[in-house]
Amino acid sequence: MTNTLLETPEAEVAPTPITKIAIVVSKGSLEGIYPALIMANGARMEGIEAHVFFTFFGMDAITKSRMEHIEVATVGNPGLHLPTLLGALPGMGKLVTHRMQAEMAKLDIPPIPEFIQLLADSGAHLYACKASVDMFHLKREDFVDDLEAVLTVGEFYELAAGGQIIFT
């Protein structure tokens, strides 16, 4: 006696296309900010609506006085494959940041200020978190001109409704 498996063709279901994303940026390091910018840019290039919400230290990416001084986190960063002691050496953060920026430049990935401008020009929506703004005693004029608004979390959820939420 033989066992025969009857195979029934499964109905192919077309995936629902993503039409809207909401990205939350909470880290203020180079490796914490760039993934969000790259994902938002990729979304805009595909015609996907993109909302980017900067909170806590992620707001450094849109703060005029900080956005050009963001470094790679070298201490306690397992992805860097650098012993913690070496990461703590003076100047190591600047060295690793310089090397990473050089590699990104080879790939035509713009510096953060230029990337933020590119996103705004592409139609991405940029927001700062009101609670973080208040906590760090920041004002609207501390941020890039392309920031659309300072929002509460609830207001961001309203804008993000129906979108895929991504945390970086």
N, C-alpha and C. Protein backbone atom coordinates (compact mmCIF):
# COMPACT_ATOMS: atom_id res chain seq x y z
N MET A 1 0.84 -1.17 0.00
CA MET A 1 0.00 0.00 0.00
C MET A 1 0.89 1.23 0.00
N THR A 2 0.59 2.15 -0.83
CA THR A 2 1.37 3.37 -0.91
C THR A 2 0.56 4.54 -0.42
N ASN A 3 1.25 5.47 0.18
CA ASN A 3 0.60 6.70 0.63
C ASN A 3 0.85 7.77 -0.43
N THR A 4 -0.17 8.31 -0.91
CA THR A 4 -0.06 9.36 -1.90
C THR A 4 -0.58 10.65 -1.30
N LEU A 5 0.25 11.65 -1.35
CA LEU A 5 -0.19 12.95 -0.86
C LEU A 5 -0.90 13.67 -2.00
N LEU A 6 -2.04 14.10 -1.70
CA LEU A 6 -2.77 14.87 -2.70
C LEU A 6 -2.40 16.33 -2.53
N GLU A 7 -1.84 16.86 -3.54
CA GLU A 7 -1.46 18.27 -3.48
C GLU A 7 -2.56 19.11 -4.09
N THR A 8 -3.00 20.06 -3.32
CA THR A 8 -3.99 20.98 -3.85
C THR A 8 -3.32 22.32 -4.04
N PRO A 9 -3.52 22.88 -5.19
CA PRO A 9 -2.88 24.18 -5.42
C PRO A 9 -3.47 25.23 -4.48
N GLU A 10 -2.57 25.94 -3.85
CA GLU A 10 -3.01 27.01 -2.95
C GLU A 10 -3.32 28.24 -3.78
N ALA A 11 -4.35 28.91 -3.41
CA ALA A 11 -4.72 30.12 -4.13
C ALA A 11 -3.63 31.16 -3.89
N GLU A 12 -3.16 31.71 -4.95
CA GLU A 12 -2.14 32.75 -4.81
C GLU A 12 -2.82 34.05 -4.41
N VAL A 13 -2.30 34.61 -3.35
CA VAL A 13 -2.84 35.87 -2.85
C VAL A 13 -1.79 36.94 -3.12
N ALA A 14 -2.19 37.94 -3.86
CA ALA A 14 -1.26 39.03 -4.15
C ALA A 14 -1.03 39.84 -2.88
N PRO A 15 0.23 40.13 -2.57
CA PRO A 15 0.49 40.95 -1.38
C PRO A 15 -0.11 42.35 -1.54
N THR A 16 -0.58 42.85 -0.43
CA THR A 16 -1.11 44.21 -0.43
C THR A 16 0.06 45.17 -0.48
N PRO A 17 0.07 46.05 -1.44
CA PRO A 17 1.21 46.99 -1.53
C PRO A 17 1.21 47.96 -0.35
N ILE A 18 2.40 48.30 0.06
CA ILE A 18 2.55 49.30 1.13
C ILE A 18 2.38 50.67 0.49
N THR A 19 1.51 51.47 1.04
CA THR A 19 1.27 52.80 0.49
C THR A 19 1.69 53.90 1.45
N LYS A 20 1.96 53.52 2.70
CA LYS A 20 2.27 54.53 3.71
C LYS A 20 3.15 53.91 4.79
N ILE A 21 4.19 54.63 5.18
CA ILE A 21 5.03 54.19 6.30
C ILE A 21 5.18 55.32 7.30
N ALA A 22 5.41 54.91 8.53
CA ALA A 22 5.69 55.86 9.61
C ALA A 22 6.94 55.35 10.32
N ILE A 23 7.98 56.15 10.30
CA ILE A 23 9.27 55.74 10.86
C ILE A 23 9.53 56.55 12.13
N VAL A 24 9.91 55.85 13.20
CA VAL A 24 10.25 56.50 14.47
C VAL A 24 11.76 56.42 14.64
N VAL A 25 12.39 57.59 14.78
CA VAL A 25 13.85 57.68 14.96
C VAL A 25 14.12 58.12 16.39
N SER A 26 14.70 57.21 17.20
CA SER A 26 14.93 57.54 18.60
C SER A 26 16.40 57.58 18.99
N LYS A 27 17.26 57.12 18.12
CA LYS A 27 18.70 57.08 18.44
C LYS A 27 19.43 58.22 17.74
N GLY A 28 20.40 58.81 18.42
CA GLY A 28 21.10 59.96 17.88
C GLY A 28 22.48 59.65 17.33
N SER A 29 22.75 58.39 17.04
CA SER A 29 24.04 58.02 16.48
C SER A 29 23.90 57.87 14.96
N LEU A 30 25.03 57.88 14.29
CA LEU A 30 25.03 57.73 12.83
C LEU A 30 24.29 56.46 12.42
N GLU A 31 24.60 55.36 13.11
CA GLU A 31 23.98 54.08 12.76
C GLU A 31 22.53 53.97 13.24
N GLY A 32 22.09 54.92 14.04
CA GLY A 32 20.71 54.96 14.47
C GLY A 32 19.84 55.83 13.57
N ILE A 33 20.45 56.81 12.93
CA ILE A 33 19.72 57.77 12.10
C ILE A 33 19.66 57.35 10.63
N TYR A 34 20.79 56.91 10.10
CA TYR A 34 20.83 56.60 8.66
C TYR A 34 19.83 55.53 8.21
N PRO A 35 19.61 54.45 8.96
CA PRO A 35 18.62 53.48 8.48
C PRO A 35 17.25 54.12 8.24
N ALA A 36 16.84 55.01 9.12
CA ALA A 36 15.55 55.67 8.95
C ALA A 36 15.53 56.56 7.71
N LEU A 37 16.62 57.30 7.51
CA LEU A 37 16.67 58.19 6.34
C LEU A 37 16.68 57.38 5.05
N ILE A 38 17.43 56.30 5.04
CA ILE A 38 17.49 55.45 3.84
C ILE A 38 16.14 54.80 3.57
N MET A 39 15.47 54.33 4.62
CA MET A 39 14.16 53.71 4.42
C MET A 39 13.12 54.73 3.95
N ALA A 40 13.15 55.91 4.52
CA ALA A 40 12.20 56.95 4.10
C ALA A 40 12.47 57.35 2.65
N ASN A 41 13.73 57.48 2.30
CA ASN A 41 14.08 57.82 0.93
C ASN A 41 13.64 56.72 -0.04
N GLY A 42 13.89 55.48 0.32
CA GLY A 42 13.45 54.36 -0.52
C GLY A 42 11.95 54.35 -0.70
N ALA A 43 11.23 54.66 0.38
CA ALA A 43 9.77 54.72 0.29
C ALA A 43 9.34 55.80 -0.70
N ARG A 44 9.91 56.98 -0.56
CA ARG A 44 9.53 58.08 -1.46
C ARG A 44 9.87 57.74 -2.92
N MET A 45 11.00 57.06 -3.14
CA MET A 45 11.38 56.68 -4.50
C MET A 45 10.38 55.68 -5.10
N GLU A 46 9.68 54.93 -4.23
CA GLU A 46 8.68 53.97 -4.68
C GLU A 46 7.28 54.57 -4.68
N GLY A 47 7.18 55.87 -4.37
CA GLY A 47 5.88 56.52 -4.34
C GLY A 47 5.08 56.27 -3.08
N ILE A 48 5.76 55.80 -2.04
CA ILE A 48 5.10 55.50 -0.77
C ILE A 48 5.14 56.74 0.12
N GLU A 49 4.00 57.06 0.72
CA GLU A 49 3.91 58.19 1.64
C GLU A 49 4.78 57.90 2.86
N ALA A 50 5.61 58.85 3.26
CA ALA A 50 6.53 58.63 4.38
C ALA A 50 6.40 59.72 5.44
N HIS A 51 6.22 59.28 6.68
CA HIS A 51 6.17 60.18 7.84
C HIS A 51 7.31 59.77 8.76
N VAL A 52 8.17 60.72 9.14
CA VAL A 52 9.32 60.41 9.98
C VAL A 52 9.20 61.22 11.27
N PHE A 53 9.16 60.50 12.40
CA PHE A 53 8.95 61.07 13.72
C PHE A 53 10.25 60.96 14.51
N PHE A 54 10.87 62.09 14.80
CA PHE A 54 12.14 62.13 15.52
C PHE A 54 11.84 62.36 17.00
N THR A 55 12.36 61.47 17.84
CA THR A 55 12.12 61.56 19.27
C THR A 55 13.42 61.30 20.03
N PHE A 56 13.47 61.71 21.27
CA PHE A 56 14.65 61.59 22.12
C PHE A 56 15.89 62.03 21.35
N PHE A 57 16.94 61.21 21.35
CA PHE A 57 18.20 61.63 20.75
C PHE A 57 18.16 61.61 19.22
N GLY A 58 17.15 60.97 18.66
CA GLY A 58 16.98 60.98 17.21
C GLY A 58 16.72 62.39 16.68
N MET A 59 16.27 63.29 17.58
CA MET A 59 16.03 64.68 17.16
C MET A 59 17.31 65.39 16.76
N ASP A 60 18.47 64.84 17.13
CA ASP A 60 19.74 65.45 16.72
C ASP A 60 19.83 65.55 15.19
N ALA A 61 19.19 64.63 14.49
CA ALA A 61 19.23 64.63 13.02
C ALA A 61 18.56 65.85 12.41
N ILE A 62 17.64 66.47 13.15
CA ILE A 62 16.92 67.63 12.62
C ILE A 62 17.19 68.90 13.42
N THR A 63 18.11 68.82 14.38
CA THR A 63 18.48 69.98 15.18
C THR A 63 19.68 70.66 14.52
N LYS A 64 19.50 71.90 14.13
CA LYS A 64 20.53 72.62 13.36
C LYS A 64 21.91 72.56 14.00
N SER A 65 21.98 72.73 15.31
CA SER A 65 23.29 72.78 15.98
C SER A 65 23.93 71.40 16.15
N ARG A 66 23.19 70.31 15.94
CA ARG A 66 23.70 68.97 16.19
C ARG A 66 23.88 68.12 14.92
N MET A 67 23.11 68.41 13.89
CA MET A 67 23.01 67.49 12.75
C MET A 67 24.32 67.26 12.00
N GLU A 68 25.26 68.15 12.11
CA GLU A 68 26.55 67.97 11.43
C GLU A 68 27.61 67.36 12.35
N HIS A 69 27.22 67.01 13.57
CA HIS A 69 28.18 66.50 14.55
C HIS A 69 27.80 65.12 15.08
N ILE A 70 27.05 64.37 14.33
CA ILE A 70 26.58 63.06 14.77
C ILE A 70 27.66 62.02 14.47
N GLU A 71 27.94 61.18 15.45
CA GLU A 71 29.01 60.19 15.33
C GLU A 71 28.48 58.77 15.51
N VAL A 72 29.31 57.83 15.13
CA VAL A 72 29.04 56.42 15.38
C VAL A 72 29.22 56.17 16.88
N ALA A 73 28.35 55.38 17.47
CA ALA A 73 28.50 54.99 18.87
C ALA A 73 29.54 53.88 18.92
N THR A 74 30.70 54.17 19.50
CA THR A 74 31.78 53.19 19.50
C THR A 74 31.86 52.37 20.78
N VAL A 75 31.25 52.83 21.84
CA VAL A 75 31.30 52.09 23.11
C VAL A 75 30.04 51.23 23.24
N GLY A 76 30.25 49.95 23.44
CA GLY A 76 29.12 49.04 23.63
C GLY A 76 28.30 48.80 22.38
N ASN A 77 28.89 48.97 21.22
CA ASN A 77 28.19 48.75 19.96
C ASN A 77 28.64 47.40 19.40
N PRO A 78 27.89 46.32 19.63
CA PRO A 78 28.34 45.00 19.20
C PRO A 78 28.49 44.88 17.68
N GLY A 79 27.73 45.64 16.94
CA GLY A 79 27.81 45.59 15.48
C GLY A 79 29.11 46.16 14.94
N LEU A 80 29.79 46.92 15.74
CA LEU A 80 31.05 47.54 15.32
C LEU A 80 32.21 46.56 15.40
N HIS A 81 32.05 45.50 16.19
CA HIS A 81 33.09 44.47 16.36
C HIS A 81 34.39 45.09 16.87
N LEU A 82 34.23 46.02 17.80
CA LEU A 82 35.37 46.71 18.40
C LEU A 82 35.27 46.53 19.91
N PRO A 83 36.33 46.05 20.56
CA PRO A 83 36.26 45.90 22.02
C PRO A 83 35.88 47.23 22.68
N THR A 84 35.06 47.14 23.71
CA THR A 84 34.58 48.34 24.41
C THR A 84 35.73 49.24 24.83
N LEU A 85 36.80 48.67 25.31
CA LEU A 85 37.94 49.47 25.75
C LEU A 85 38.51 50.30 24.60
N LEU A 86 38.63 49.71 23.42
CA LEU A 86 39.13 50.47 22.26
C LEU A 86 38.15 51.55 21.85
N GLY A 87 36.86 51.23 21.92
CA GLY A 87 35.84 52.21 21.56
C GLY A 87 35.85 53.43 22.45
N ALA A 88 36.35 53.27 23.68
CA ALA A 88 36.38 54.37 24.64
C ALA A 88 37.61 55.25 24.51
N LEU A 89 38.56 54.85 23.68
CA LEU A 89 39.77 55.67 23.52
C LEU A 89 39.42 57.04 22.94
N PRO A 90 40.09 58.09 23.40
CA PRO A 90 39.83 59.43 22.87
C PRO A 90 40.03 59.46 21.35
N GLY A 91 39.08 60.05 20.67
CA GLY A 91 39.18 60.21 19.22
C GLY A 91 38.66 59.02 18.42
N MET A 92 38.37 57.90 19.08
CA MET A 92 37.93 56.71 18.36
C MET A 92 36.58 56.96 17.66
N GLY A 93 35.68 57.65 18.33
CA GLY A 93 34.38 57.96 17.73
C GLY A 93 34.54 58.77 16.45
N LYS A 94 35.38 59.77 16.50
CA LYS A 94 35.61 60.61 15.31
C LYS A 94 36.26 59.81 14.19
N LEU A 95 37.22 58.95 14.54
CA LEU A 95 37.90 58.14 13.54
C LEU A 95 36.93 57.18 12.85
N VAL A 96 36.16 56.45 13.63
CA VAL A 96 35.21 55.49 13.06
C VAL A 96 34.15 56.22 12.26
N THR A 97 33.69 57.35 12.76
CA THR A 97 32.70 58.15 12.03
C THR A 97 33.24 58.61 10.69
N HIS A 98 34.46 59.11 10.70
CA HIS A 98 35.09 59.57 9.45
C HIS A 98 35.18 58.42 8.44
N ARG A 99 35.59 57.26 8.91
CA ARG A 99 35.72 56.10 8.01
C ARG A 99 34.36 55.69 7.45
N MET A 100 33.35 55.67 8.30
CA MET A 100 32.02 55.28 7.84
C MET A 100 31.46 56.31 6.86
N GLN A 101 31.66 57.58 7.14
CA GLN A 101 31.19 58.62 6.22
C GLN A 101 31.90 58.52 4.87
N ALA A 102 33.17 58.18 4.88
CA ALA A 102 33.91 58.01 3.62
C ALA A 102 33.33 56.86 2.81
N GLU A 103 32.99 55.77 3.48
CA GLU A 103 32.40 54.62 2.78
C GLU A 103 31.01 54.97 2.24
N MET A 104 30.24 55.72 3.02
CA MET A 104 28.91 56.12 2.55
C MET A 104 29.02 57.06 1.36
N ALA A 105 30.00 57.96 1.39
CA ALA A 105 30.19 58.88 0.27
C ALA A 105 30.50 58.12 -1.02
N LYS A 106 31.25 57.02 -0.90
CA LYS A 106 31.54 56.20 -2.08
C LYS A 106 30.26 55.63 -2.69
N LEU A 107 29.26 55.41 -1.84
CA LEU A 107 27.97 54.88 -2.29
C LEU A 107 26.98 55.98 -2.64
N ASP A 108 27.45 57.22 -2.62
CA ASP A 108 26.62 58.39 -2.94
C ASP A 108 25.50 58.59 -1.91
N ILE A 109 25.77 58.23 -0.65
CA ILE A 109 24.82 58.47 0.43
C ILE A 109 25.18 59.83 1.02
N PRO A 110 24.27 60.78 0.97
CA PRO A 110 24.60 62.15 1.40
C PRO A 110 24.76 62.29 2.91
N PRO A 111 25.46 63.35 3.34
CA PRO A 111 25.54 63.66 4.78
C PRO A 111 24.14 63.95 5.32
N ILE A 112 23.99 63.82 6.62
CA ILE A 112 22.67 63.96 7.24
C ILE A 112 21.95 65.26 6.86
N PRO A 113 22.57 66.45 6.95
CA PRO A 113 21.82 67.66 6.59
C PRO A 113 21.28 67.63 5.16
N GLU A 114 22.10 67.15 4.25
CA GLU A 114 21.68 67.06 2.85
C GLU A 114 20.58 66.00 2.68
N PHE A 115 20.70 64.91 3.42
CA PHE A 115 19.71 63.83 3.34
C PHE A 115 18.35 64.31 3.85
N ILE A 116 18.36 65.05 4.96
CA ILE A 116 17.11 65.60 5.51
C ILE A 116 16.45 66.52 4.48
N GLN A 117 17.24 67.36 3.83
CA GLN A 117 16.72 68.26 2.80
C GLN A 117 16.15 67.46 1.62
N LEU A 118 16.87 66.43 1.22
CA LEU A 118 16.43 65.57 0.13
C LEU A 118 15.08 64.93 0.46
N LEU A 119 14.94 64.45 1.68
CA LEU A 119 13.67 63.84 2.09
C LEU A 119 12.53 64.86 2.05
N ALA A 120 12.78 66.02 2.60
CA ALA A 120 11.74 67.06 2.60
C ALA A 120 11.36 67.43 1.16
N ASP A 121 12.36 67.57 0.31
CA ASP A 121 12.08 67.91 -1.09
C ASP A 121 11.32 66.82 -1.82
N SER A 122 11.49 65.58 -1.37
CA SER A 122 10.81 64.45 -2.02
C SER A 122 9.37 64.29 -1.54
N GLY A 123 8.99 65.06 -0.53
CA GLY A 123 7.62 64.98 -0.02
C GLY A 123 7.48 64.19 1.26
N ALA A 124 8.60 63.73 1.84
CA ALA A 124 8.51 63.05 3.14
C ALA A 124 8.10 64.06 4.19
N HIS A 125 7.35 63.62 5.16
CA HIS A 125 6.87 64.48 6.24
C HIS A 125 7.75 64.27 7.47
N LEU A 126 8.29 65.37 8.01
CA LEU A 126 9.23 65.31 9.13
C LEU A 126 8.62 65.97 10.35
N TYR A 127 8.66 65.25 11.48
CA TYR A 127 8.06 65.74 12.72
C TYR A 127 9.01 65.53 13.90
N ALA A 128 8.89 66.40 14.89
CA ALA A 128 9.60 66.23 16.16
C ALA A 128 8.58 65.88 17.23
N CYS A 129 9.01 65.12 18.22
CA CYS A 129 8.17 64.68 19.32
C CYS A 129 8.04 65.80 20.36
N LYS A 130 6.82 66.20 20.64
CA LYS A 130 6.59 67.30 21.58
C LYS A 130 7.14 67.00 22.97
N ALA A 131 6.94 65.80 23.47
CA ALA A 131 7.45 65.47 24.81
C ALA A 131 8.97 65.59 24.86
N SER A 132 9.66 65.14 23.83
CA SER A 132 11.12 65.23 23.79
C SER A 132 11.57 66.68 23.63
N VAL A 133 10.86 67.42 22.80
CA VAL A 133 11.18 68.85 22.61
C VAL A 133 11.08 69.57 23.95
N ASP A 134 10.01 69.31 24.68
CA ASP A 134 9.83 69.95 25.99
C ASP A 134 10.89 69.48 26.98
N MET A 135 11.18 68.18 26.99
CA MET A 135 12.14 67.62 27.93
C MET A 135 13.55 68.20 27.73
N PHE A 136 13.92 68.43 26.46
CA PHE A 136 15.25 68.96 26.17
C PHE A 136 15.26 70.49 26.03
N HIS A 137 14.13 71.12 26.34
CA HIS A 137 14.00 72.58 26.33
C HIS A 137 14.37 73.16 24.95
N LEU A 138 13.87 72.55 23.91
CA LEU A 138 14.12 73.02 22.55
C LEU A 138 12.96 73.88 22.07
N LYS A 139 13.23 74.67 21.05
CA LYS A 139 12.21 75.52 20.44
C LYS A 139 12.13 75.20 18.95
N ARG A 140 11.05 75.59 18.33
CA ARG A 140 10.84 75.32 16.91
C ARG A 140 12.02 75.82 16.07
N GLU A 141 12.58 76.98 16.44
CA GLU A 141 13.69 77.56 15.67
C GLU A 141 15.00 76.78 15.81
N ASP A 142 15.06 75.83 16.74
CA ASP A 142 16.25 74.98 16.88
C ASP A 142 16.33 73.92 15.77
N PHE A 143 15.22 73.71 15.10
CA PHE A 143 15.12 72.64 14.11
C PHE A 143 15.25 73.16 12.68
N VAL A 144 15.50 72.23 11.78
CA VAL A 144 15.57 72.57 10.35
C VAL A 144 14.25 73.20 9.90
N ASP A 145 14.33 74.04 8.90
CA ASP A 145 13.14 74.71 8.40
C ASP A 145 12.12 73.73 7.81
N ASP A 146 12.60 72.57 7.35
CA ASP A 146 11.72 71.61 6.70
C ASP A 146 10.90 70.76 7.67
N LEU A 147 11.10 70.95 8.97
CA LEU A 147 10.29 70.25 9.95
C LEU A 147 8.85 70.72 9.80
N GLU A 148 7.93 69.80 9.60
CA GLU A 148 6.53 70.19 9.40
C GLU A 148 5.87 70.62 10.69
N ALA A 149 6.16 69.89 11.78
CA ALA A 149 5.46 70.20 13.02
C ALA A 149 6.13 69.51 14.20
N VAL A 150 5.82 70.03 15.37
CA VAL A 150 6.15 69.36 16.63
C VAL A 150 4.83 68.75 17.08
N LEU A 151 4.82 67.40 17.20
CA LEU A 151 3.58 66.68 17.45
C LEU A 151 3.63 65.87 18.73
N THR A 152 2.46 65.66 19.32
CA THR A 152 2.35 64.69 20.40
C THR A 152 2.36 63.30 19.77
N VAL A 153 2.57 62.30 20.57
CA VAL A 153 2.54 60.92 20.06
C VAL A 153 1.16 60.62 19.46
N GLY A 154 0.11 61.05 20.13
CA GLY A 154 -1.25 60.82 19.63
C GLY A 154 -1.46 61.45 18.25
N GLU A 155 -0.96 62.66 18.08
CA GLU A 155 -1.09 63.32 16.77
C GLU A 155 -0.31 62.57 15.69
N PHE A 156 0.85 62.04 16.08
CA PHE A 156 1.62 61.25 15.11
C PHE A 156 0.87 59.98 14.75
N TYR A 157 0.27 59.32 15.74
CA TYR A 157 -0.51 58.11 15.45
C TYR A 157 -1.64 58.41 14.47
N GLU A 158 -2.27 59.55 14.63
CA GLU A 158 -3.35 59.93 13.69
C GLU A 158 -2.81 60.04 12.27
N LEU A 159 -1.64 60.68 12.13
CA LEU A 159 -1.04 60.82 10.79
C LEU A 159 -0.56 59.48 10.24
N ALA A 160 -0.13 58.60 11.14
CA ALA A 160 0.42 57.31 10.73
C ALA A 160 -0.65 56.26 10.48
N ALA A 161 -1.89 56.57 10.81
CA ALA A 161 -2.97 55.58 10.70
C ALA A 161 -2.98 54.93 9.32
N GLY A 162 -3.02 53.62 9.33
CA GLY A 162 -3.05 52.87 8.08
C GLY A 162 -1.69 52.58 7.50
N GLY A 163 -0.64 53.10 8.12
CA GLY A 163 0.71 52.90 7.60
C GLY A 163 1.45 51.81 8.35
N GLN A 164 2.54 51.38 7.77
CA GLN A 164 3.44 50.43 8.41
C GLN A 164 4.35 51.23 9.34
N ILE A 165 4.40 50.89 10.61
CA ILE A 165 5.24 51.63 11.56
C ILE A 165 6.57 50.91 11.72
N ILE A 166 7.65 51.68 11.56
CA ILE A 166 9.00 51.14 11.60
C ILE A 166 9.78 51.90 12.68
N PHE A 167 10.45 51.16 13.55
CA PHE A 167 11.30 51.78 14.57
C PHE A 167 12.75 51.54 14.21
N THR A 168 13.56 52.59 14.27
CA THR A 168 14.99 52.41 14.01
C THR A 168 15.78 52.77 15.25
